[in-house]
N, C-alpha and C. Protein backbone atom coordinates (compact mmCIF):
# COMPACT_ATOMS: atom_id res chain seq x y z
N MET A 1 102.77 95.10 118.07
CA MET A 1 104.00 95.83 117.87
C MET A 1 105.03 95.35 118.90
N LEU A 2 106.24 95.14 118.45
CA LEU A 2 107.28 94.63 119.31
C LEU A 2 107.93 95.76 120.10
N THR A 3 108.18 95.50 121.38
CA THR A 3 108.90 96.48 122.18
C THR A 3 110.37 96.43 121.82
N LYS A 4 111.08 97.45 122.22
CA LYS A 4 112.50 97.53 121.88
C LYS A 4 113.28 96.38 122.51
N ARG A 5 112.91 96.01 123.72
CA ARG A 5 113.60 94.93 124.42
C ARG A 5 113.38 93.60 123.71
N VAL A 6 112.16 93.34 123.30
CA VAL A 6 111.85 92.09 122.59
C VAL A 6 112.56 92.06 121.25
N LYS A 7 112.56 93.19 120.57
CA LYS A 7 113.19 93.26 119.25
C LYS A 7 114.69 93.00 119.34
N THR A 8 115.36 93.59 120.33
CA THR A 8 116.80 93.35 120.47
C THR A 8 117.09 91.90 120.85
N ALA A 9 116.22 91.30 121.65
CA ALA A 9 116.41 89.89 122.00
C ALA A 9 116.27 89.00 120.78
N VAL A 10 115.30 89.28 119.93
CA VAL A 10 115.11 88.49 118.70
C VAL A 10 116.30 88.68 117.78
N ILE A 11 116.79 89.90 117.67
CA ILE A 11 117.94 90.17 116.80
C ILE A 11 119.16 89.41 117.30
N LYS A 12 119.38 89.39 118.62
CA LYS A 12 120.54 88.68 119.17
C LYS A 12 120.49 87.19 118.88
N THR A 13 119.29 86.61 118.91
CA THR A 13 119.20 85.17 118.67
C THR A 13 119.42 84.80 117.21
N ALA A 14 119.09 85.70 116.28
CA ALA A 14 119.18 85.36 114.86
C ALA A 14 120.37 86.01 114.15
N ALA A 15 121.10 86.88 114.82
CA ALA A 15 122.18 87.62 114.17
C ALA A 15 123.33 86.70 113.79
N ARG A 16 123.95 87.01 112.69
CA ARG A 16 125.09 86.23 112.22
C ARG A 16 126.39 86.75 112.80
N HIS A 17 126.44 88.04 113.15
CA HIS A 17 127.59 88.66 113.79
C HIS A 17 127.07 89.77 114.70
N PRO A 18 127.87 90.31 115.59
CA PRO A 18 127.36 91.26 116.61
C PRO A 18 126.66 92.50 116.05
N GLN A 19 127.06 93.02 114.92
CA GLN A 19 126.45 94.22 114.35
C GLN A 19 125.35 93.91 113.35
N ASP A 20 124.98 92.66 113.22
CA ASP A 20 123.98 92.25 112.23
C ASP A 20 122.58 92.67 112.69
N SER A 21 121.92 93.47 111.87
CA SER A 21 120.54 93.85 112.19
C SER A 21 119.64 93.80 110.97
N GLY A 22 120.17 93.41 109.82
CA GLY A 22 119.35 93.46 108.62
C GLY A 22 119.49 92.28 107.70
N SER A 23 120.17 91.23 108.12
CA SER A 23 120.29 90.07 107.24
C SER A 23 118.95 89.39 107.10
N ALA A 24 118.85 88.52 106.13
CA ALA A 24 117.60 87.81 105.90
C ALA A 24 117.21 86.98 107.12
N ASP A 25 118.20 86.43 107.81
CA ASP A 25 117.92 85.64 109.01
C ASP A 25 117.21 86.48 110.07
N VAL A 26 117.73 87.66 110.32
CA VAL A 26 117.16 88.55 111.33
C VAL A 26 115.78 89.02 110.89
N GLN A 27 115.63 89.35 109.63
CA GLN A 27 114.34 89.82 109.14
C GLN A 27 113.27 88.74 109.26
N VAL A 28 113.62 87.51 108.96
CA VAL A 28 112.67 86.41 109.08
C VAL A 28 112.30 86.20 110.55
N ALA A 29 113.28 86.28 111.44
CA ALA A 29 113.01 86.09 112.87
C ALA A 29 112.08 87.19 113.39
N LEU A 30 112.34 88.43 113.00
CA LEU A 30 111.48 89.54 113.45
C LEU A 30 110.07 89.41 112.89
N LEU A 31 109.98 89.07 111.62
CA LEU A 31 108.66 88.90 111.02
C LEU A 31 107.89 87.75 111.68
N SER A 32 108.59 86.68 112.01
CA SER A 32 107.93 85.55 112.66
C SER A 32 107.37 85.96 114.02
N ARG A 33 108.15 86.73 114.76
CA ARG A 33 107.68 87.19 116.08
C ARG A 33 106.48 88.12 115.94
N GLN A 34 106.53 89.05 114.96
CA GLN A 34 105.40 89.95 114.73
C GLN A 34 104.17 89.18 114.29
N ILE A 35 104.36 88.17 113.45
CA ILE A 35 103.24 87.36 112.98
C ILE A 35 102.58 86.64 114.16
N ASP A 36 103.41 86.11 115.07
CA ASP A 36 102.85 85.43 116.24
C ASP A 36 102.02 86.38 117.10
N GLU A 37 102.52 87.59 117.32
CA GLU A 37 101.78 88.56 118.13
C GLU A 37 100.49 89.00 117.44
N LEU A 38 100.57 89.23 116.15
CA LEU A 38 99.38 89.68 115.42
C LEU A 38 98.34 88.58 115.32
N THR A 39 98.78 87.34 115.26
CA THR A 39 97.84 86.22 115.24
C THR A 39 97.04 86.17 116.53
N GLY A 40 97.71 86.39 117.66
CA GLY A 40 97.01 86.43 118.93
C GLY A 40 96.02 87.57 119.00
N HIS A 41 96.39 88.72 118.45
CA HIS A 41 95.49 89.88 118.41
C HIS A 41 94.25 89.57 117.57
N LEU A 42 94.45 88.90 116.44
CA LEU A 42 93.33 88.61 115.56
C LEU A 42 92.40 87.53 116.12
N LYS A 43 92.92 86.68 117.00
CA LYS A 43 92.04 85.71 117.65
C LYS A 43 91.08 86.42 118.60
N LYS A 44 91.55 87.50 119.24
CA LYS A 44 90.70 88.26 120.15
C LYS A 44 89.78 89.23 119.40
N ASN A 45 90.24 89.71 118.24
CA ASN A 45 89.51 90.70 117.45
C ASN A 45 89.31 90.20 116.03
N PRO A 46 88.37 89.30 115.81
CA PRO A 46 88.24 88.68 114.49
C PRO A 46 87.76 89.62 113.39
N LYS A 47 87.22 90.77 113.73
CA LYS A 47 86.73 91.68 112.69
C LYS A 47 87.72 92.79 112.33
N ASP A 48 88.94 92.68 112.82
CA ASP A 48 89.96 93.69 112.54
C ASP A 48 90.60 93.37 111.19
N PHE A 49 89.95 93.81 110.13
CA PHE A 49 90.39 93.45 108.78
C PHE A 49 91.64 94.20 108.34
N HIS A 50 91.88 95.37 108.88
CA HIS A 50 93.10 96.11 108.54
C HIS A 50 94.34 95.38 109.07
N SER A 51 94.25 94.88 110.29
CA SER A 51 95.37 94.11 110.84
C SER A 51 95.54 92.79 110.10
N ARG A 52 94.44 92.20 109.66
CA ARG A 52 94.52 90.95 108.90
C ARG A 52 95.29 91.18 107.60
N ARG A 53 95.05 92.32 106.96
CA ARG A 53 95.77 92.63 105.72
C ARG A 53 97.26 92.80 106.00
N GLY A 54 97.59 93.47 107.10
CA GLY A 54 98.99 93.62 107.49
C GLY A 54 99.64 92.28 107.77
N LEU A 55 98.89 91.38 108.40
CA LEU A 55 99.40 90.05 108.68
C LEU A 55 99.72 89.31 107.38
N LEU A 56 98.82 89.39 106.42
CA LEU A 56 99.05 88.72 105.14
C LEU A 56 100.27 89.29 104.43
N GLN A 57 100.48 90.59 104.54
CA GLN A 57 101.67 91.20 103.93
C GLN A 57 102.95 90.72 104.61
N MET A 58 102.90 90.59 105.95
CA MET A 58 104.07 90.10 106.68
C MET A 58 104.38 88.65 106.30
N VAL A 59 103.35 87.84 106.16
CA VAL A 59 103.56 86.44 105.79
C VAL A 59 104.18 86.35 104.40
N ALA A 60 103.70 87.16 103.48
CA ALA A 60 104.26 87.17 102.13
C ALA A 60 105.71 87.64 102.13
N ASP A 61 106.01 88.65 102.95
CA ASP A 61 107.37 89.16 103.05
C ASP A 61 108.30 88.10 103.63
N ARG A 62 107.85 87.43 104.68
CA ARG A 62 108.65 86.36 105.28
C ARG A 62 108.89 85.24 104.29
N ARG A 63 107.86 84.90 103.52
CA ARG A 63 107.99 83.83 102.53
C ARG A 63 109.04 84.20 101.48
N SER A 64 109.05 85.46 101.05
CA SER A 64 110.02 85.86 100.03
C SER A 64 111.44 85.85 100.60
N HIS A 65 111.62 86.24 101.85
CA HIS A 65 112.95 86.18 102.48
C HIS A 65 113.40 84.72 102.62
N LEU A 66 112.48 83.85 103.00
CA LEU A 66 112.83 82.44 103.12
C LEU A 66 113.17 81.83 101.77
N ARG A 67 112.45 82.23 100.74
CA ARG A 67 112.74 81.73 99.39
C ARG A 67 114.13 82.18 98.95
N TYR A 68 114.49 83.43 99.27
CA TYR A 68 115.82 83.95 98.96
C TYR A 68 116.90 83.12 99.67
N LEU A 69 116.70 82.87 100.96
CA LEU A 69 117.67 82.09 101.72
C LEU A 69 117.80 80.67 101.18
N GLU A 70 116.67 80.07 100.85
CA GLU A 70 116.70 78.70 100.34
C GLU A 70 117.47 78.63 99.03
N LYS A 71 117.30 79.64 98.20
CA LYS A 71 117.96 79.66 96.89
C LYS A 71 119.46 79.90 97.01
N ASN A 72 119.87 80.77 97.95
CA ASN A 72 121.27 81.18 98.02
C ASN A 72 122.12 80.43 99.04
N ASP A 73 121.52 80.00 100.15
CA ASP A 73 122.31 79.31 101.18
C ASP A 73 121.42 78.31 101.91
N LYS A 74 121.40 77.09 101.42
CA LYS A 74 120.50 76.07 101.97
C LYS A 74 120.83 75.72 103.42
N ARG A 75 122.09 75.77 103.79
CA ARG A 75 122.47 75.44 105.15
C ARG A 75 121.91 76.46 106.15
N ARG A 76 122.05 77.74 105.83
CA ARG A 76 121.49 78.79 106.69
C ARG A 76 119.97 78.69 106.73
N TYR A 77 119.36 78.36 105.60
CA TYR A 77 117.91 78.24 105.52
C TYR A 77 117.42 77.13 106.45
N SER A 78 118.03 75.97 106.35
CA SER A 78 117.57 74.85 107.18
C SER A 78 117.84 75.11 108.66
N ALA A 79 118.95 75.76 108.99
CA ALA A 79 119.24 76.08 110.39
C ALA A 79 118.22 77.08 110.94
N LEU A 80 117.84 78.05 110.13
CA LEU A 80 116.87 79.06 110.56
C LEU A 80 115.50 78.45 110.73
N ILE A 81 115.09 77.58 109.83
CA ILE A 81 113.80 76.91 109.94
C ILE A 81 113.74 76.10 111.22
N LYS A 82 114.82 75.40 111.52
CA LYS A 82 114.87 74.57 112.73
C LYS A 82 114.85 75.46 113.98
N LYS A 83 115.61 76.56 113.97
CA LYS A 83 115.70 77.44 115.13
C LYS A 83 114.36 78.12 115.43
N LEU A 84 113.64 78.54 114.39
CA LEU A 84 112.39 79.26 114.59
C LEU A 84 111.19 78.32 114.73
N GLY A 85 111.38 77.06 114.41
CA GLY A 85 110.27 76.11 114.53
C GLY A 85 109.29 76.20 113.40
N LEU A 86 109.72 76.73 112.26
CA LEU A 86 108.87 76.79 111.08
C LEU A 86 108.98 75.47 110.33
N LYS A 87 107.92 75.08 109.70
CA LYS A 87 107.99 73.84 108.93
C LYS A 87 107.81 74.15 107.47
N LYS A 88 108.40 73.36 106.66
CA LYS A 88 108.34 73.55 105.21
C LYS A 88 107.36 72.60 104.65
């Protein structure tokens, strides 16, 4: 789970304007950070199947947001992929 400080830092890096907190860019950045944290948790706790299911749901959600961005604004999509270090 992300702390409030970490969440606001992630939002600031991905926001398109100062009040942006819900664009696809921000949602993908937040999901990526949560996925990274949950992956570390699952490496320590390999039998935590409930968290594994949550991780798979987050990955699917991130994929759908990325698909939306790719379809509607390719420039924003490629910039976000480069900024977050995700590969296609």
